[in-house]
Protein backbone atom coordinates (compact mmCIF):
# COMPACT_ATOMS: atom_id res chain seq x y z
CA MET A 1 -7.71 -3.86 23.92
CA GLN A 2 -7.81 -7.60 23.59
CA VAL A 3 -4.84 -9.95 23.80
CA ARG A 4 -5.52 -13.43 22.57
CA THR A 5 -3.40 -16.47 21.92
CA LEU A 6 -4.18 -18.65 18.95
CA PRO A 7 -5.25 -22.21 19.82
CA ARG A 8 -2.92 -24.95 18.63
CA PRO A 9 -4.46 -28.36 17.86
CA ILE A 10 -3.16 -31.47 19.61
CA VAL A 11 -3.02 -33.54 16.45
CA PRO A 12 0.07 -35.71 17.14
CA VAL A 13 -1.47 -37.52 20.12
CA ILE A 14 -4.64 -38.29 18.18
CA GLU A 15 -2.71 -39.43 15.12
CA MET A 16 -0.38 -41.66 17.15
CA ALA A 17 -3.32 -43.20 18.97
CA ALA A 18 -4.88 -43.96 15.59
CA GLY A 19 -1.65 -45.56 14.40
CA ASN A 20 -0.84 -42.97 11.71
CA LEU A 21 2.81 -42.42 12.58
CA THR A 22 3.69 -40.50 9.40
CA ALA A 23 1.11 -37.79 10.03
CA ALA A 24 2.04 -37.75 13.72
CA GLY A 25 5.71 -37.30 12.84
CA GLU A 26 4.91 -34.42 10.51
CA ALA A 27 2.73 -32.78 13.14
CA LEU A 28 5.44 -33.18 15.80
CA GLY A 29 7.96 -31.69 13.37
CA ALA A 30 5.67 -28.70 12.85
CA MET A 31 5.31 -28.28 16.62
CA LEU A 32 9.08 -28.39 17.11
CA ALA A 33 9.57 -25.86 14.31
CA GLN A 34 7.00 -23.63 15.99
CA ALA A 35 8.74 -23.94 19.34
CA SER A 36 12.13 -23.04 17.86
CA SER A 37 10.85 -20.22 15.62
CA HIS A 38 10.98 -16.57 16.64
CA ALA A 39 7.64 -15.60 18.22
CA ARG A 40 5.45 -13.03 16.49
CA ILE A 41 2.69 -10.67 17.58
CA LEU A 42 -0.15 -10.06 15.14
CA LEU A 43 -1.25 -6.43 15.50
CA VAL A 44 -4.69 -5.94 13.93
CA ARG A 45 -5.51 -2.31 13.16
CA GLU A 46 -8.89 -1.24 11.85
CA GLY A 47 -8.44 2.50 11.64
CA PRO A 48 -6.57 4.74 14.07
CA ALA A 49 -4.91 2.63 16.76
CA ALA A 50 -1.98 4.63 18.14
CA LYS A 51 -2.22 3.29 21.71
CA LEU A 52 -2.58 -0.30 20.50
CA THR A 53 0.43 0.12 18.22
CA GLU A 54 2.50 1.61 21.05
CA TYR A 55 1.49 -1.29 23.32
CA ALA A 56 2.45 -3.84 20.65
CA LEU A 57 5.91 -2.33 20.22
CA LYS A 58 6.52 -2.30 23.98
CA MET A 59 5.28 -5.88 24.27
CA ALA A 60 7.55 -6.95 21.39
CA GLN A 61 10.53 -5.35 23.11
CA ARG A 62 9.80 -7.07 26.43
CA LEU A 63 9.16 -10.50 24.89
CA ASP A 64 11.76 -10.21 22.11
CA CYS A 65 9.13 -10.81 19.41
CA ASP A 66 8.59 -9.63 15.87
CA VAL A 67 5.41 -7.78 14.96
CA ILE A 68 3.15 -8.42 12.00
CA ALA A 69 1.06 -5.28 11.53
CA LEU A 70 -2.20 -6.01 9.73
CA ASP A 71 -4.26 -3.08 8.51
CA LEU A 72 -7.74 -4.45 7.96
CA LEU A 73 -10.84 -3.12 6.25
CA ASN A 74 -14.24 -4.75 6.11
CA PRO A 75 -16.10 -2.55 3.60
CA SER A 76 -19.77 -1.92 4.11
CA LEU A 77 -21.96 -3.84 1.70
CA GLU A 78 -24.83 -1.44 2.29
CA GLN A 79 -23.23 1.31 0.22
CA GLY A 80 -22.99 1.42 -3.55
CA ILE A 81 -20.04 0.09 -5.53
CA GLU A 82 -18.62 3.55 -6.19
CA HIS A 83 -18.72 4.45 -2.48
CA ARG A 84 -16.99 1.17 -1.56
CA ARG A 85 -14.31 1.75 -4.20
CA ARG A 86 -13.56 5.24 -2.79
CA GLU A 87 -13.53 3.82 0.76
CA ILE A 88 -11.05 1.11 -0.25
CA ASP A 89 -8.80 3.57 -2.13
CA HIS A 90 -8.73 5.94 0.85
CA PHE A 91 -8.02 3.02 3.20
CA LEU A 92 -5.12 1.73 1.08
CA VAL A 93 -3.40 5.12 0.94
CA ARG A 94 -3.79 5.63 4.70
CA ALA A 95 -2.71 2.06 5.56
CA ILE A 96 0.44 2.22 3.45
CA ARG A 97 1.42 5.57 4.98
CA GLN A 98 0.79 4.28 8.53
CA GLY A 99 2.69 1.07 7.76
CA GLU A 100 5.77 2.98 6.61
CA GLN A 101 5.66 5.12 9.75
CA LEU A 102 5.32 2.02 11.94
CA VAL A 103 8.29 0.28 10.33
CA GLN A 104 10.47 3.36 10.92
CA GLU A 105 9.27 3.78 14.51
CA ALA A 106 9.84 0.09 15.24
CA ALA A 107 13.34 0.15 13.76
CA SER A 108 14.25 3.00 16.10
CA VAL A 109 13.36 0.84 19.13
CA GLY A 110 14.89 -2.36 17.74
CA VAL A 111 11.73 -4.29 16.80
CA ARG A 112 11.28 -5.99 13.44
CA VAL A 113 7.93 -5.26 11.82
CA SER A 114 6.36 -6.61 8.67
CA HIS A 115 3.29 -4.86 7.34
CA MET A 116 0.35 -6.21 5.38
CA VAL A 117 -2.98 -4.86 4.22
CA LYS A 118 -6.07 -7.05 3.83
CA ILE A 119 -9.68 -6.43 2.96
CA GLY A 120 -12.33 -8.78 4.29
CA GLU A 121 -13.92 -10.26 7.37
CA ARG A 122 -11.87 -9.74 10.52
CA GLU A 123 -12.15 -13.13 12.25
CA ARG A 124 -11.68 -15.11 9.03
CA ILE A 125 -8.49 -13.23 8.13
CA ILE A 126 -7.04 -13.58 11.65
CA ALA A 127 -7.73 -17.33 11.66
CA GLU A 128 -6.22 -17.72 8.18
CA LEU A 129 -3.03 -15.89 9.19
CA GLY A 130 -2.80 -18.02 12.35
CA ARG A 131 -2.92 -21.18 10.24
CA GLN A 132 -0.36 -19.87 7.74
CA ASP A 133 2.17 -18.61 10.30
CA THR A 134 2.59 -20.89 13.30
CA ALA A 135 5.02 -18.44 14.93
CA ILE A 136 2.15 -16.05 15.76
CA ARG A 137 1.76 -16.35 19.53
CA TYR A 138 -0.36 -13.28 20.33
CA VAL A 139 -3.08 -11.33 18.56
CA LEU A 140 -3.65 -7.73 19.63
CA THR A 141 -6.92 -6.11 18.57
CA LEU A 142 -9.31 -3.46 19.68
CA PRO A 143 -12.78 -4.75 20.53
CA PRO A 144 -14.99 -5.04 17.43
CA ARG A 145 -16.87 -1.90 16.59
CA THR A 146 -20.57 -2.19 17.14
CA GLN A 147 -23.13 0.21 15.88
CA THR A 148 -24.92 1.84 18.73
CA THR A 149 -28.09 3.77 18.43
CA VAL A 150 -28.22 7.08 20.19
CA GLN A 151 -31.49 7.75 21.93
CA ARG A 152 -32.34 11.39 22.23
CA GLU A 153 -33.99 12.83 25.25
CA PRO A 154 -37.54 14.02 24.72
CA ALA A 155 -37.82 17.72 24.06
CA ARG A 156 -38.34 19.68 27.24
CA PRO A 157 -40.64 22.65 27.34
CA ARG A 158 -38.80 25.94 27.30
CA ALA A 159 -38.81 27.94 30.49
CA GLN A 160 -41.03 31.03 30.47
CA ARG A 161 -40.16 34.24 32.24
CA ALA A 162 -42.65 35.40 34.77
CA LEU A 163 -43.62 39.06 34.55
CA LEU A 164 -44.48 40.79 37.82
């Protein structure tokens, strides 16, 4: 499991040093709004993530945060169009069902959850959401899946019975 915080640019200092007080004022206003807004945790789920979801709800309770649950799919471009379409349809049905369950589970423990479903590249979508919602303080993800090749052991000769 990975817990990351989104980097926040230090624009006001640069803008004030350059003499652009209007932009600096707007940036400071955005920073103050961020500081006074209710913190959020972005929970990125790419498939089954029960332990990660449980951790996010416990973290939200401890820190008094809201949770944005993002179900994410990055469809394989190696497969044909029809296979991708079936994969996306299956993903959408599963994600909506899991999202409804999460909202009910979170309500029972007193955590507010909003759910969204996106299809695309993981890092790009996380960065885009971080720019759109400045209240996101933490991003919880599982490590990216990597394809591993399984090397098989060479075939061993079968044991022979000795006859006496």
